[in-house]
Amino acid sequence: MDRSPEIDTFLAALPEDLRMALETLRGQIAAAAPGAVETIAYRAPAFRYRDRPLVSFSAGRHGAGPCAFYVQSPALMEANRALLAGYETARGTIHFTPAAPLPADLVTKLVRGRMAETDRKGKR
């Protein structure tokens, strides 16, 4: 997968702890979705799969606060409610901190779930 220079620039502007946490998440997403393409969407680093939005991520406003992993699927969040019980969540979003990053297996499960949703939508 080609790394997006725009995402590199976005991450470079963040404090080191946030940058490292989001760079780790970026790598986990890329590993789970090797066919996805990096981009910027709604001013946040994002991945597209089969030319459709997949997932995105960001830091709090102006580089402060927790990190966010935008799963972009309330249905997928609900289906994995038990796995997400220890995290602060909002509609389609998981918040986390650099001190307590998301486990790679959780990221992989959610990314692959989004890929499956995208594949189903493409077959309609």
PDB file of N, CA and C in Angstrom:
ATOM      1  N   MET A   1       0.854  -1.182   0.000  1.00  0.00           N
ATOM      2  CA  MET A   1       0.000   0.000   0.000  1.00  0.00           C
ATOM      3  C   MET A   1       0.893   1.236   0.000  1.00  0.00           C
ATOM      4  N   ASP A   2       0.521   2.195  -0.818  1.00  0.00           N
ATOM      5  CA  ASP A   2       1.243   3.466  -0.852  1.00  0.00           C
ATOM      6  C   ASP A   2       0.814   4.317   0.325  1.00  0.00           C
ATOM      7  N   ARG A   3       1.799   4.889   1.006  1.00  0.00           N
ATOM      8  CA  ARG A   3       1.507   5.789   2.127  1.00  0.00           C
ATOM      9  C   ARG A   3       1.150   7.158   1.571  1.00  0.00           C
ATOM     10  N   SER A   4       0.144   7.760   2.151  1.00  0.00           N
ATOM     11  CA  SER A   4      -0.315   9.073   1.719  1.00  0.00           C
ATOM     12  C   SER A   4       0.562  10.173   2.316  1.00  0.00           C
ATOM     13  N   PRO A   5       1.141  11.030   1.473  1.00  0.00           N
ATOM     14  CA  PRO A   5       1.915  12.157   2.000  1.00  0.00           C
ATOM     15  C   PRO A   5       1.046  13.109   2.824  1.00  0.00           C
ATOM     16  N   GLU A   6      -0.237  13.202   2.479  1.00  0.00           N
ATOM     17  CA  GLU A   6      -1.145  14.071   3.240  1.00  0.00           C
ATOM     18  C   GLU A   6      -1.341  13.533   4.664  1.00  0.00           C
ATOM     19  N   ILE A   7      -1.431  12.224   4.796  1.00  0.00           N
ATOM     20  CA  ILE A   7      -1.546  11.640   6.136  1.00  0.00           C
ATOM     21  C   ILE A   7      -0.231  11.818   6.891  1.00  0.00           C
ATOM     22  N   ASP A   8       0.892  11.652   6.202  1.00  0.00           N
ATOM     23  CA  ASP A   8       2.190  11.900   6.847  1.00  0.00           C
ATOM     24  C   ASP A   8       2.246  13.319   7.403  1.00  0.00           C
ATOM     25  N   THR A   9       1.794  14.291   6.628  1.00  0.00           N
ATOM     26  CA  THR A   9       1.787  15.691   7.058  1.00  0.00           C
ATOM     27  C   THR A   9       0.850  15.895   8.236  1.00  0.00           C
ATOM     28  N   PHE A  10      -0.343  15.301   8.172  1.00  0.00           N
ATOM     29  CA  PHE A  10      -1.305  15.396   9.262  1.00  0.00           C
ATOM     30  C   PHE A  10      -0.679  14.881  10.561  1.00  0.00           C
ATOM     31  N   LEU A  11      -0.081  13.700  10.499  1.00  0.00           N
ATOM     32  CA  LEU A  11       0.493  13.093  11.703  1.00  0.00           C
ATOM     33  C   LEU A  11       1.710  13.864  12.218  1.00  0.00           C
ATOM     34  N   ALA A  12       2.498  14.410  11.318  1.00  0.00           N
ATOM     35  CA  ALA A  12       3.693  15.151  11.728  1.00  0.00           C
ATOM     36  C   ALA A  12       3.361  16.380  12.569  1.00  0.00           C
ATOM     37  N   ALA A  13       2.176  16.917  12.417  1.00  0.00           N
ATOM     38  CA  ALA A  13       1.776  18.116  13.158  1.00  0.00           C
ATOM     39  C   ALA A  13       1.301  17.811  14.580  1.00  0.00           C
ATOM     40  N   LEU A  14       1.161  16.540  14.934  1.00  0.00           N
ATOM     41  CA  LEU A  14       0.643  16.161  16.248  1.00  0.00           C
ATOM     42  C   LEU A  14       1.756  15.990  17.268  1.00  0.00           C
ATOM     43  N   PRO A  15       1.424  16.121  18.550  1.00  0.00           N
ATOM     44  CA  PRO A  15       2.394  15.787  19.595  1.00  0.00           C
ATOM     45  C   PRO A  15       2.833  14.326  19.438  1.00  0.00           C
ATOM     46  N   GLU A  16       4.036  14.025  19.884  1.00  0.00           N
ATOM     47  CA  GLU A  16       4.626  12.710  19.641  1.00  0.00           C
ATOM     48  C   GLU A  16       3.765  11.552  20.131  1.00  0.00           C
ATOM     49  N   ASP A  17       3.162  11.652  21.317  1.00  0.00           N
ATOM     50  CA  ASP A  17       2.384  10.527  21.825  1.00  0.00           C
ATOM     51  C   ASP A  17       1.171  10.237  20.938  1.00  0.00           C
ATOM     52  N   LEU A  18       0.481  11.282  20.502  1.00  0.00           N
ATOM     53  CA  LEU A  18      -0.661  11.093  19.604  1.00  0.00           C
ATOM     54  C   LEU A  18      -0.205  10.590  18.238  1.00  0.00           C
ATOM     55  N   ARG A  19       0.878  11.158  17.741  1.00  0.00           N
ATOM     56  CA  ARG A  19       1.394  10.744  16.434  1.00  0.00           C
ATOM     57  C   ARG A  19       1.743   9.261  16.440  1.00  0.00           C
ATOM     58  N   MET A  20       2.429   8.811  17.481  1.00  0.00           N
ATOM     59  CA  MET A  20       2.834   7.406  17.545  1.00  0.00           C
ATOM     60  C   MET A  20       1.617   6.481  17.679  1.00  0.00           C
ATOM     61  N   ALA A  21       0.639   6.876  18.486  1.00  0.00           N
ATOM     62  CA  ALA A  21      -0.577   6.060  18.649  1.00  0.00           C
ATOM     63  C   ALA A  21      -1.327   5.937  17.332  1.00  0.00           C
ATOM     64  N   LEU A  22      -1.451   7.044  16.618  1.00  0.00           N
ATOM     65  CA  LEU A  22      -2.185   7.018  15.356  1.00  0.00           C
ATOM     66  C   LEU A  22      -1.380   6.349  14.247  1.00  0.00           C
ATOM     67  N   GLU A  23      -0.077   6.459  14.295  1.00  0.00           N
ATOM     68  CA  GLU A  23       0.763   5.761  13.315  1.00  0.00           C
ATOM     69  C   GLU A  23       0.635   4.246  13.514  1.00  0.00           C
ATOM     70  N   THR A  24       0.562   3.813  14.760  1.00  0.00           N
ATOM     71  CA  THR A  24       0.349   2.392  15.042  1.00  0.00           C
ATOM     72  C   THR A  24      -1.005   1.944  14.496  1.00  0.00           C
ATOM     73  N   LEU A  25      -2.046   2.731  14.772  1.00  0.00           N
ATOM     74  CA  LEU A  25      -3.381   2.404  14.256  1.00  0.00           C
ATOM     75  C   LEU A  25      -3.370   2.360  12.729  1.00  0.00           C
ATOM     76  N   ARG A  26      -2.703   3.304  12.122  1.00  0.00           N
ATOM     77  CA  ARG A  26      -2.587   3.345  10.655  1.00  0.00           C
ATOM     78  C   ARG A  26      -1.991   2.042  10.129  1.00  0.00           C
ATOM     79  N   GLY A  27      -0.942   1.574  10.769  1.00  0.00           N
ATOM     80  CA  GLY A  27      -0.309   0.324  10.355  1.00  0.00           C
ATOM     81  C   GLY A  27      -1.215  -0.882  10.552  1.00  0.00           C
ATOM     82  N   GLN A  28      -1.970  -0.886  11.655  1.00  0.00           N
ATOM     83  CA  GLN A  28      -2.904  -1.986  11.909  1.00  0.00           C
ATOM     84  C   GLN A  28      -3.992  -2.025  10.843  1.00  0.00           C
ATOM     85  N   ILE A  29      -4.505  -0.861  10.487  1.00  0.00           N
ATOM     86  CA  ILE A  29      -5.543  -0.793   9.446  1.00  0.00           C
ATOM     87  C   ILE A  29      -4.975  -1.268   8.111  1.00  0.00           C
ATOM     88  N   ALA A  30      -3.798  -0.776   7.765  1.00  0.00           N
ATOM     89  CA  ALA A  30      -3.171  -1.160   6.494  1.00  0.00           C
ATOM     90  C   ALA A  30      -2.923  -2.662   6.434  1.00  0.00           C
ATOM     91  N   ALA A  31      -2.513  -3.260   7.542  1.00  0.00           N
ATOM     92  CA  ALA A  31      -2.266  -4.704   7.575  1.00  0.00           C
ATOM     93  C   ALA A  31      -3.567  -5.491   7.425  1.00  0.00           C
ATOM     94  N   ALA A  32      -4.640  -4.991   8.004  1.00  0.00           N
ATOM     95  CA  ALA A  32      -5.929  -5.681   7.941  1.00  0.00           C
ATOM     96  C   ALA A  32      -6.609  -5.514   6.589  1.00  0.00           C
ATOM     97  N   ALA A  33      -6.282  -4.438   5.878  1.00  0.00           N
ATOM     98  CA  ALA A  33      -6.940  -4.134   4.600  1.00  0.00           C
ATOM     99  C   ALA A  33      -5.895  -3.793   3.542  1.00  0.00           C
ATOM    100  N   PRO A  34      -5.129  -4.781   3.103  1.00  0.00           N
ATOM    101  CA  PRO A  34      -4.047  -4.479   2.159  1.00  0.00           C
ATOM    102  C   PRO A  34      -4.516  -3.893   0.832  1.00  0.00           C
ATOM    103  N   GLY A  35      -5.778  -4.059   0.474  1.00  0.00           N
ATOM    104  CA  GLY A  35      -6.304  -3.498  -0.769  1.00  0.00           C
ATOM    105  C   GLY A  35      -6.857  -2.095  -0.621  1.00  0.00           C
ATOM    106  N   ALA A  36      -6.817  -1.560   0.587  1.00  0.00           N
ATOM    107  CA  ALA A  36      -7.362  -0.228   0.830  1.00  0.00           C
ATOM    108  C   ALA A  36      -6.370   0.854   0.417  1.00  0.00           C
ATOM    109  N   VAL A  37      -6.899   2.054   0.200  1.00  0.00           N
ATOM    110  CA  VAL A  37      -6.098   3.196  -0.234  1.00  0.00           C
ATOM    111  C   VAL A  37      -6.198   4.295   0.822  1.00  0.00           C
ATOM    112  N   GLU A  38      -5.046   4.855   1.182  1.00  0.00           N
ATOM    113  CA  GLU A  38      -5.039   5.958   2.138  1.00  0.00           C
ATOM    114  C   GLU A  38      -5.467   7.254   1.464  1.00  0.00           C
ATOM    115  N   THR A  39      -6.166   8.081   2.231  1.00  0.00           N
ATOM    116  CA  THR A  39      -6.625   9.371   1.722  1.00  0.00           C
ATOM    117  C   THR A  39      -6.922  10.278   2.913  1.00  0.00           C
ATOM    118  N   ILE A  40      -7.358  11.472   2.632  1.00  0.00           N
ATOM    119  CA  ILE A  40      -7.881  12.383   3.648  1.00  0.00           C
ATOM    120  C   ILE A  40      -9.358  12.596   3.312  1.00  0.00           C
ATOM    121  N   ALA A  41     -10.219  12.437   4.318  1.00  0.00           N
ATOM    122  CA  ALA A  41     -11.650  12.662   4.132  1.00  0.00           C
ATOM    123  C   ALA A  41     -12.160  13.423   5.345  1.00  0.00           C
ATOM    124  N   TYR A  42     -12.881  14.479   5.091  1.00  0.00           N
ATOM    125  CA  TYR A  42     -13.399  15.320   6.170  1.00  0.00           C
ATOM    126  C   TYR A  42     -12.269  15.774   7.108  1.00  0.00           C
ATOM    127  N   ARG A  43     -11.148  16.100   6.522  1.00  0.00           N
ATOM    128  CA  ARG A  43      -9.959  16.588   7.227  1.00  0.00           C
ATOM    129  C   ARG A  43      -9.346  15.572   8.186  1.00  0.00           C
ATOM    130  N   ALA A  44      -9.608  14.302   7.968  1.00  0.00           N
ATOM    131  CA  ALA A  44      -9.057  13.244   8.813  1.00  0.00           C
ATOM    132  C   ALA A  44      -8.423  12.163   7.941  1.00  0.00           C
ATOM    133  N   PRO A  45      -7.369  11.518   8.429  1.00  0.00           N
ATOM    134  CA  PRO A  45      -6.800  10.386   7.704  1.00  0.00           C
ATOM    135  C   PRO A  45      -7.851   9.287   7.556  1.00  0.00           C
ATOM    136  N   ALA A  46      -7.917   8.717   6.372  1.00  0.00           N
ATOM    137  CA  ALA A  46      -8.957   7.733   6.081  1.00  0.00           C
ATOM    138  C   ALA A  46      -8.426   6.670   5.131  1.00  0.00           C
ATOM    139  N   PHE A  47      -9.174   5.602   5.052  1.00  0.00           N
ATOM    140  CA  PHE A  47      -8.897   4.533   4.102  1.00  0.00           C
ATOM    141  C   PHE A  47     -10.147   4.317   3.265  1.00  0.00           C
ATOM    142  N   ARG A  48      -9.934   4.048   1.975  1.00  0.00           N
ATOM    143  CA  ARG A  48     -11.023   3.699   1.062  1.00  0.00           C
ATOM    144  C   ARG A  48     -10.764   2.280   0.575  1.00  0.00           C
ATOM    145  N   TYR A  49     -11.856   1.568   0.384  1.00  0.00           N
ATOM    146  CA  TYR A  49     -11.780   0.182  -0.084  1.00  0.00           C
ATOM    147  C   TYR A  49     -12.796   0.025  -1.204  1.00  0.00           C
ATOM    148  N   ARG A  50     -12.322  -0.420  -2.355  1.00  0.00           N
ATOM    149  CA  ARG A  50     -13.180  -0.551  -3.541  1.00  0.00           C
ATOM    150  C   ARG A  50     -13.914   0.756  -3.836  1.00  0.00           C
ATOM    151  N   ASP A  51     -13.160   1.829  -3.686  1.00  0.00           N
ATOM    152  CA  ASP A  51     -13.611   3.196  -3.962  1.00  0.00           C
ATOM    153  C   ASP A  51     -14.768   3.641  -3.056  1.00  0.00           C
ATOM    154  N   ARG A  52     -14.861   3.047  -1.875  1.00  0.00           N
ATOM    155  CA  ARG A  52     -15.867   3.441  -0.880  1.00  0.00           C
ATOM    156  C   ARG A  52     -15.163   3.729   0.439  1.00  0.00           C
ATOM    157  N   PRO A  53     -15.734   4.601   1.265  1.00  0.00           N
ATOM    158  CA  PRO A  53     -15.140   4.861   2.585  1.00  0.00           C
ATOM    159  C   PRO A  53     -15.062   3.573   3.407  1.00  0.00           C
ATOM    160  N   LEU A  54     -13.938   3.381   4.076  1.00  0.00           N
ATOM    161  CA  LEU A  54     -13.758   2.194   4.911  1.00  0.00           C
ATOM    162  C   LEU A  54     -13.744   2.605   6.382  1.00  0.00           C
ATOM    163  N   VAL A  55     -12.653   3.190   6.839  1.00  0.00           N
ATOM    164  CA  VAL A  55     -12.510   3.674   8.216  1.00  0.00           C
ATOM    165  C   VAL A  55     -11.642   4.920   8.186  1.00  0.00           C
ATOM    166  N   SER A  56     -11.635   5.647   9.291  1.00  0.00           N
ATOM    167  CA  SER A  56     -10.752   6.808   9.411  1.00  0.00           C
ATOM    168  C   SER A  56     -10.331   6.955  10.865  1.00  0.00           C
ATOM    169  N   PHE A  57      -9.443   7.900  11.118  1.00  0.00           N
ATOM    170  CA  PHE A  57      -8.948   8.109  12.473  1.00  0.00           C
ATOM    171  C   PHE A  57      -8.489   9.542  12.630  1.00  0.00           C
ATOM    172  N   SER A  58      -8.363   9.972  13.875  1.00  0.00           N
ATOM    173  CA  SER A  58      -7.921  11.336  14.129  1.00  0.00           C
ATOM    174  C   SER A  58      -7.567  11.501  15.594  1.00  0.00           C
ATOM    175  N   ALA A  59      -7.091  12.690  15.921  1.00  0.00           N
ATOM    176  CA  ALA A  59      -6.849  13.082  17.312  1.00  0.00           C
ATOM    177  C   ALA A  59      -7.920  14.095  17.676  1.00  0.00           C
ATOM    178  N   GLY A  60      -8.008  14.405  18.951  1.00  0.00           N
ATOM    179  CA  GLY A  60      -8.981  15.392  19.396  1.00  0.00           C
ATOM    180  C   GLY A  60      -8.757  16.730  18.724  1.00  0.00           C
ATOM    181  N   ARG A  61      -9.630  17.647  19.002  1.00  0.00           N
ATOM    182  CA  ARG A  61      -9.550  18.969  18.377  1.00  0.00           C
ATOM    183  C   ARG A  61      -8.182  19.591  18.580  1.00  0.00           C
ATOM    184  N   HIS A  62      -7.621  20.077  17.499  1.00  0.00           N
ATOM    185  CA  HIS A  62      -6.339  20.793  17.516  1.00  0.00           C
ATOM    186  C   HIS A  62      -5.217  19.935  18.104  1.00  0.00           C
ATOM    187  N   GLY A  63      -5.293  18.636  17.925  1.00  0.00           N
ATOM    188  CA  GLY A  63      -4.227  17.750  18.373  1.00  0.00           C
ATOM    189  C   GLY A  63      -4.246  17.453  19.858  1.00  0.00           C
ATOM    190  N   ALA A  64      -5.294  17.834  20.541  1.00  0.00           N
ATOM    191  CA  ALA A  64      -5.387  17.564  21.979  1.00  0.00           C
ATOM    192  C   ALA A  64      -6.443  16.510  22.238  1.00  0.00           C
ATOM    193  N   GLY A  65      -6.363  15.880  23.376  1.00  0.00           N
ATOM    194  CA  GLY A  65      -7.401  14.946  23.773  1.00  0.00           C
ATOM    195  C   GLY A  65      -7.198  13.559  23.218  1.00  0.00           C
ATOM    196  N   PRO A  66      -8.218  12.733  23.354  1.00  0.00           N
ATOM    197  CA  PRO A  66      -8.071  11.336  22.960  1.00  0.00           C
ATOM    198  C   PRO A  66      -8.010  11.167  21.448  1.00  0.00           C
ATOM    199  N   CYS A  67      -7.619   9.987  21.073  1.00  0.00           N
ATOM    200  CA  CYS A  67      -7.622   9.598  19.667  1.00  0.00           C
ATOM    201  C   CYS A  67      -8.991   9.002  19.346  1.00  0.00           C
ATOM    202  N   ALA A  68      -9.316   8.980  18.075  1.00  0.00           N
ATOM    203  CA  ALA A  68     -10.589   8.417  17.642  1.00  0.00           C
ATOM    204  C   ALA A  68     -10.361   7.500  16.442  1.00  0.00           C
ATOM    205  N   PHE A  69     -11.017   6.357  16.490  1.00  0.00           N
ATOM    206  CA  PHE A  69     -11.047   5.414  15.380  1.00  0.00           C
ATOM    207  C   PHE A  69     -12.481   5.397  14.892  1.00  0.00           C
ATOM    208  N   TYR A  70     -12.691   5.910  13.690  1.00  0.00           N
ATOM    209  CA  TYR A  70     -14.025   6.021  13.116  1.00  0.00           C
ATOM    210  C   TYR A  70     -14.327   4.763  12.305  1.00  0.00           C
ATOM    211  N   VAL A  71     -15.063   3.860  12.907  1.00  0.00           N
ATOM    212  CA  VAL A  71     -15.431   2.602  12.266  1.00  0.00           C
ATOM    213  C   VAL A  71     -16.475   2.857  11.175  1.00  0.00           C
ATOM    214  N   GLN A  72     -17.249   3.919  11.333  1.00  0.00           N
ATOM    215  CA  GLN A  72     -18.234   4.364  10.345  1.00  0.00           C
ATOM    216  C   GLN A  72     -19.383   3.381  10.143  1.00  0.00           C
ATOM    217  N   SER A  73     -19.645   2.569  11.170  1.00  0.00           N
ATOM    218  CA  SER A  73     -20.737   1.604  11.055  1.00  0.00           C
ATOM    219  C   SER A  73     -21.350   1.348  12.431  1.00  0.00           C
ATOM    220  N   PRO A  74     -22.435   2.036  12.757  1.00  0.00           N
ATOM    221  CA  PRO A  74     -23.110   1.742  14.019  1.00  0.00           C
ATOM    222  C   PRO A  74     -23.523   0.269  14.126  1.00  0.00           C
ATOM    223  N   ALA A  75     -23.911  -0.352  13.023  1.00  0.00           N
ATOM    224  CA  ALA A  75     -24.311  -1.762  13.048  1.00  0.00           C
ATOM    225  C   ALA A  75     -23.142  -2.659  13.439  1.00  0.00           C
ATOM    226  N   LEU A  76     -21.971  -2.390  12.921  1.00  0.00           N
ATOM    227  CA  LEU A  76     -20.790  -3.174  13.258  1.00  0.00           C
ATOM    228  C   LEU A  76     -20.388  -2.937  14.711  1.00  0.00           C
ATOM    229  N   MET A  77     -20.527  -1.712  15.170  1.00  0.00           N
ATOM    230  CA  MET A  77     -20.244  -1.395  16.575  1.00  0.00           C
ATOM    231  C   MET A  77     -21.194  -2.182  17.475  1.00  0.00           C
ATOM    232  N   GLU A  78     -22.458  -2.201  17.122  1.00  0.00           N
ATOM    233  CA  GLU A  78     -23.455  -2.926  17.927  1.00  0.00           C
ATOM    234  C   GLU A  78     -23.157  -4.422  17.919  1.00  0.00           C
ATOM    235  N   ALA A  79     -22.780  -4.961  16.779  1.00  0.00           N
ATOM    236  CA  ALA A  79     -22.478  -6.388  16.671  1.00  0.00           C
ATOM    237  C   ALA A  79     -21.263  -6.777  17.516  1.00  0.00           C
ATOM    238  N   ASN A  80     -20.397  -5.826  17.805  1.00  0.00           N
ATOM    239  CA  ASN A  80     -19.187  -6.083  18.592  1.00  0.00           C
ATOM    240  C   ASN A  80     -19.230  -5.391  19.952  1.00  0.00           C
ATOM    241  N   ARG A  81     -20.429  -5.120  20.428  1.00  0.00           N
ATOM    242  CA  ARG A  81     -20.621  -4.391  21.681  1.00  0.00           C
ATOM    243  C   ARG A  81     -19.825  -4.997  22.838  1.00  0.00           C
ATOM    244  N   ALA A  82     -19.808  -6.312  22.960  1.00  0.00           N
ATOM    245  CA  ALA A  82     -19.096  -6.957  24.068  1.00  0.00           C
ATOM    246  C   ALA A  82     -17.598  -6.663  24.009  1.00  0.00           C
ATOM    247  N   LEU A  83     -17.025  -6.664  22.816  1.00  0.00           N
ATOM    248  CA  LEU A  83     -15.594  -6.375  22.666  1.00  0.00           C
ATOM    249  C   LEU A  83     -15.271  -4.906  22.945  1.00  0.00           C
ATOM    250  N   LEU A  84     -16.260  -4.039  22.782  1.00  0.00           N
ATOM    251  CA  LEU A  84     -16.053  -2.603  22.950  1.00  0.00           C
ATOM    252  C   LEU A  84     -16.446  -2.099  24.331  1.00  0.00           C
ATOM    253  N   ALA A  85     -16.851  -3.011  25.214  1.00  0.00           N
ATOM    254  CA  ALA A  85     -17.389  -2.619  26.526  1.00  0.00           C
ATOM    255  C   ALA A  85     -16.422  -1.747  27.334  1.00  0.00           C
ATOM    256  N   GLY A  86     -15.139  -1.934  27.204  1.00  0.00           N
ATOM    257  CA  GLY A  86     -14.173  -1.166  27.993  1.00  0.00           C
ATOM    258  C   GLY A  86     -13.750   0.148  27.384  1.00  0.00           C
ATOM    259  N   TYR A  87     -14.352   0.518  26.271  1.00  0.00           N
ATOM    260  CA  TYR A  87     -13.945   1.734  25.557  1.00  0.00           C
ATOM    261  C   TYR A  87     -15.059   2.767  25.555  1.00  0.00           C
ATOM    262  N   GLU A  88     -14.660   4.017  25.484  1.00  0.00           N
ATOM    263  CA  GLU A  88     -15.640   5.088  25.279  1.00  0.00           C
ATOM    264  C   GLU A  88     -16.001   5.070  23.795  1.00  0.00           C
ATOM    265  N   THR A  89     -17.281   4.963  23.527  1.00  0.00           N
ATOM    266  CA  THR A  89     -17.727   4.909  22.135  1.00  0.00           C
ATOM    267  C   THR A  89     -18.820   5.930  21.888  1.00  0.00           C
ATOM    268  N   ALA A  90     -18.969   6.264  20.642  1.00  0.00           N
ATOM    269  CA  ALA A  90     -20.070   7.090  20.152  1.00  0.00           C
ATOM    270  C   ALA A  90     -20.511   6.424  18.860  1.00  0.00           C
ATOM    271  N   ARG A  91     -21.503   6.932  18.249  1.00  0.00           N
ATOM    272  CA  ARG A  91     -22.058   6.322  17.035  1.00  0.00           C
ATOM    273  C   ARG A  91     -20.968   6.087  15.980  1.00  0.00           C
ATOM    274  N   GLY A  92     -20.538   4.850  15.838  1.00  0.00           N
ATOM    275  CA  GLY A  92     -19.554   4.491  14.818  1.00  0.00           C
ATOM    276  C   GLY A  92     -18.131   4.874  15.152  1.00  0.00           C
ATOM    277  N   THR A  93     -17.846   5.271  16.410  1.00  0.00           N
ATOM    278  CA  THR A  93     -16.522   5.776  16.788  1.00  0.00           C
ATOM    279  C   THR A  93     -16.061   5.151  18.103  1.00  0.00           C
ATOM    280  N   ILE A  94     -14.757   4.862  18.177  1.00  0.00           N
ATOM    281  CA  ILE A  94     -14.134   4.399  19.411  1.00  0.00           C
ATOM    282  C   ILE A  94     -13.074   5.432  19.801  1.00  0.00           C
ATOM    283  N   HIS A  95     -13.125   5.894  21.038  1.00  0.00           N
ATOM    284  CA  HIS A  95     -12.116   6.820  21.554  1.00  0.00           C
ATOM    285  C   HIS A  95     -11.102   6.034  22.374  1.00  0.00           C
ATOM    286  N   PHE A  96      -9.847   6.432  22.269  1.00  0.00           N
ATOM    287  CA  PHE A  96      -8.788   5.783  23.035  1.00  0.00           C
ATOM    288  C   PHE A  96      -7.664   6.790  23.273  1.00  0.00           C
ATOM    289  N   THR A  97      -6.745   6.430  24.135  1.00  0.00           N
ATOM    290  CA  THR A  97      -5.614   7.310  24.431  1.00  0.00           C
ATOM    291  C   THR A  97      -4.322   6.614  24.022  1.00  0.00           C
ATOM    292  N   PRO A  98      -3.259   7.372  23.853  1.00  0.00           N
ATOM    293  CA  PRO A  98      -1.966   6.745  23.554  1.00  0.00           C
ATOM    294  C   PRO A  98      -1.524   5.776  24.651  1.00  0.00           C
ATOM    295  N   ALA A  99      -1.911   6.054  25.896  1.00  0.00           N
ATOM    296  CA  ALA A  99      -1.539   5.172  27.006  1.00  0.00           C
ATOM    297  C   ALA A  99      -2.324   3.860  26.993  1.00  0.00           C
ATOM    298  N   ALA A 100      -3.469   3.850  26.340  1.00  0.00           N
ATOM    299  CA  ALA A 100      -4.314   2.648  26.256  1.00  0.00           C
ATOM    300  C   ALA A 100      -4.782   2.472  24.813  1.00  0.00           C
ATOM    301  N   PRO A 101      -3.862   2.083  23.923  1.00  0.00           N
ATOM    302  CA  PRO A 101      -4.223   1.953  22.497  1.00  0.00           C
ATOM    303  C   PRO A 101      -5.153   0.769  22.246  1.00  0.00           C
ATOM    304  N   LEU A 102      -5.759   0.778  21.082  1.00  0.00           N
ATOM    305  CA  LEU A 102      -6.639  -0.323  20.691  1.00  0.00           C
ATOM    306  C   LEU A 102      -5.797  -1.549  20.347  1.00  0.00           C
ATOM    307  N   PRO A 103      -6.231  -2.729  20.778  1.00  0.00           N
ATOM    308  CA  PRO A 103      -5.500  -3.949  20.413  1.00  0.00           C
ATOM    309  C   PRO A 103      -5.593  -4.222  18.914  1.00  0.00           C
ATOM    310  N   ALA A 104      -4.514  -4.736  18.362  1.00  0.00           N
ATOM    311  CA  ALA A 104      -4.463  -5.015  16.924  1.00  0.00           C
ATOM    312  C   ALA A 104      -5.562  -5.979  16.498  1.00  0.00           C
ATOM    313  N   ASP A 105      -5.875  -6.985  17.324  1.00  0.00           N
ATOM    314  CA  ASP A 105      -6.905  -7.944  16.926  1.00  0.00           C
ATOM    315  C   ASP A 105      -8.281  -7.297  16.856  1.00  0.00           C
ATOM    316  N   LEU A 106      -8.560  -6.318  17.715  1.00  0.00           N
ATOM    317  CA  LEU A 106      -9.835  -5.594  17.651  1.00  0.00           C
ATOM    318  C   LEU A 106      -9.901  -4.742  16.384  1.00  0.00           C
ATOM    319  N   VAL A 107      -8.818  -4.034  16.093  1.00  0.00           N
ATOM    320  CA  VAL A 107      -8.772  -3.213  14.877  1.00  0.00           C
ATOM    321  C   VAL A 107      -8.966  -4.098  13.651  1.00  0.00           C
ATOM    322  N   THR A 108      -8.277  -5.207  13.604  1.00  0.00           N
ATOM    323  CA  THR A 108      -8.393  -6.127  12.470  1.00  0.00           C
ATOM    324  C   THR A 108      -9.828  -6.618  12.304  1.00  0.00           C
ATOM    325  N   LYS A 109     -10.461  -7.023  13.392  1.00  0.00           N
ATOM    326  CA  LYS A 109     -11.843  -7.514  13.332  1.00  0.00           C
ATOM    327  C   LYS A 109     -12.786  -6.440  12.793  1.00  0.00           C
ATOM    328  N   LEU A 110     -12.635  -5.219  13.272  1.00  0.00           N
ATOM    329  CA  LEU A 110     -13.527  -4.142  12.834  1.00  0.00           C
ATOM    330  C   LEU A 110     -13.265  -3.740  11.378  1.00  0.00           C
ATOM    331  N   VAL A 111     -12.010  -3.656  11.000  1.00  0.00           N
ATOM    332  CA  VAL A 111     -11.681  -3.297   9.616  1.00  0.00           C
ATOM    333  C   VAL A 111     -12.193  -4.366   8.652  1.00  0.00           C
ATOM    334  N   ARG A 112     -11.984  -5.608   8.998  1.00  0.00           N
ATOM    335  CA  ARG A 112     -12.464  -6.681   8.112  1.00  0.00           C
ATOM    336  C   ARG A 112     -13.983  -6.737   8.084  1.00  0.00           C
ATOM    337  N   GLY A 113     -14.616  -6.391   9.194  1.00  0.00           N
ATOM    338  CA  GLY A 113     -16.073  -6.292   9.213  1.00  0.00           C
ATOM    339  C   GLY A 113     -16.565  -5.204   8.278  1.00  0.00           C
ATOM    340  N   ARG A 114     -15.862  -4.064   8.273  1.00  0.00           N
ATOM    341  CA  ARG A 114     -16.226  -2.972   7.355  1.00  0.00           C
ATOM    342  C   ARG A 114     -15.992  -3.392   5.908  1.00  0.00           C
ATOM    343  N   MET A 115     -14.925  -4.120   5.656  1.00  0.00           N
ATOM    344  CA  MET A 115     -14.674  -4.602   4.300  1.00  0.00           C
ATOM    345  C   MET A 115     -15.807  -5.521   3.848  1.00  0.00           C
ATOM    346  N   ALA A 116     -16.261  -6.382   4.736  1.00  0.00           N
ATOM    347  CA  ALA A 116     -17.372  -7.288   4.397  1.00  0.00           C
ATOM    348  C   ALA A 116     -18.632  -6.492   4.114  1.00  0.00           C
ATOM    349  N   GLU A 117     -18.898  -5.454   4.908  1.00  0.00           N
ATOM    350  CA  GLU A 117     -20.063  -4.592   4.634  1.00  0.00           C
ATOM    351  C   GLU A 117     -19.950  -3.947   3.253  1.00  0.00           C
ATOM    352  N   THR A 118     -18.766  -3.467   2.944  1.00  0.00           N
ATOM    353  CA  THR A 118     -18.533  -2.809   1.650  1.00  0.00           C
ATOM    354  C   THR A 118     -18.722  -3.810   0.514  1.00  0.00           C
ATOM    355  N   ASP A 119     -18.233  -5.023   0.698  1.00  0.00           N
ATOM    356  CA  ASP A 119     -18.412  -6.054  -0.336  1.00  0.00           C
ATOM    357  C   ASP A 119     -19.891  -6.359  -0.548  1.00  0.00           C
ATOM    358  N   ARG A 120     -20.655  -6.446   0.545  1.00  0.00           N
ATOM    359  CA  ARG A 120     -22.106  -6.721   0.415  1.00  0.00           C
ATOM    360  C   ARG A 120     -22.810  -5.582  -0.301  1.00  0.00           C
ATOM    361  N   LYS A 121     -22.455  -4.350   0.010  1.00  0.00           N
ATOM    362  CA  LYS A 121     -23.089  -3.193  -0.643  1.00  0.00           C
ATOM    363  C   LYS A 121     -22.754  -3.165  -2.129  1.00  0.00           C
ATOM    364  N   GLY A 122     -21.547  -3.606  -2.475  1.00  0.00           N
ATOM    365  CA  GLY A 122     -21.146  -3.604  -3.864  1.00  0.00           C
ATOM    366  C   GLY A 122     -21.873  -4.632  -4.706  1.00  0.00           C
ATOM    367  N   LYS A 123     -22.451  -5.644  -4.069  1.00  0.00           N
ATOM    368  CA  LYS A 123     -23.140  -6.719  -4.794  1.00  0.00           C
ATOM    369  C   LYS A 123     -24.613  -6.414  -5.028  1.00  0.00           C
ATOM    370  N   ARG A 124     -25.102  -5.305  -4.494  1.00  0.00           N
ATOM    371  CA  ARG A 124     -26.520  -4.967  -4.654  1.00  0.00           C
ATOM    372  C   ARG A 124     -26.808  -4.466  -6.035  1.00  0.00           C
TER     373      ARG A 124
END
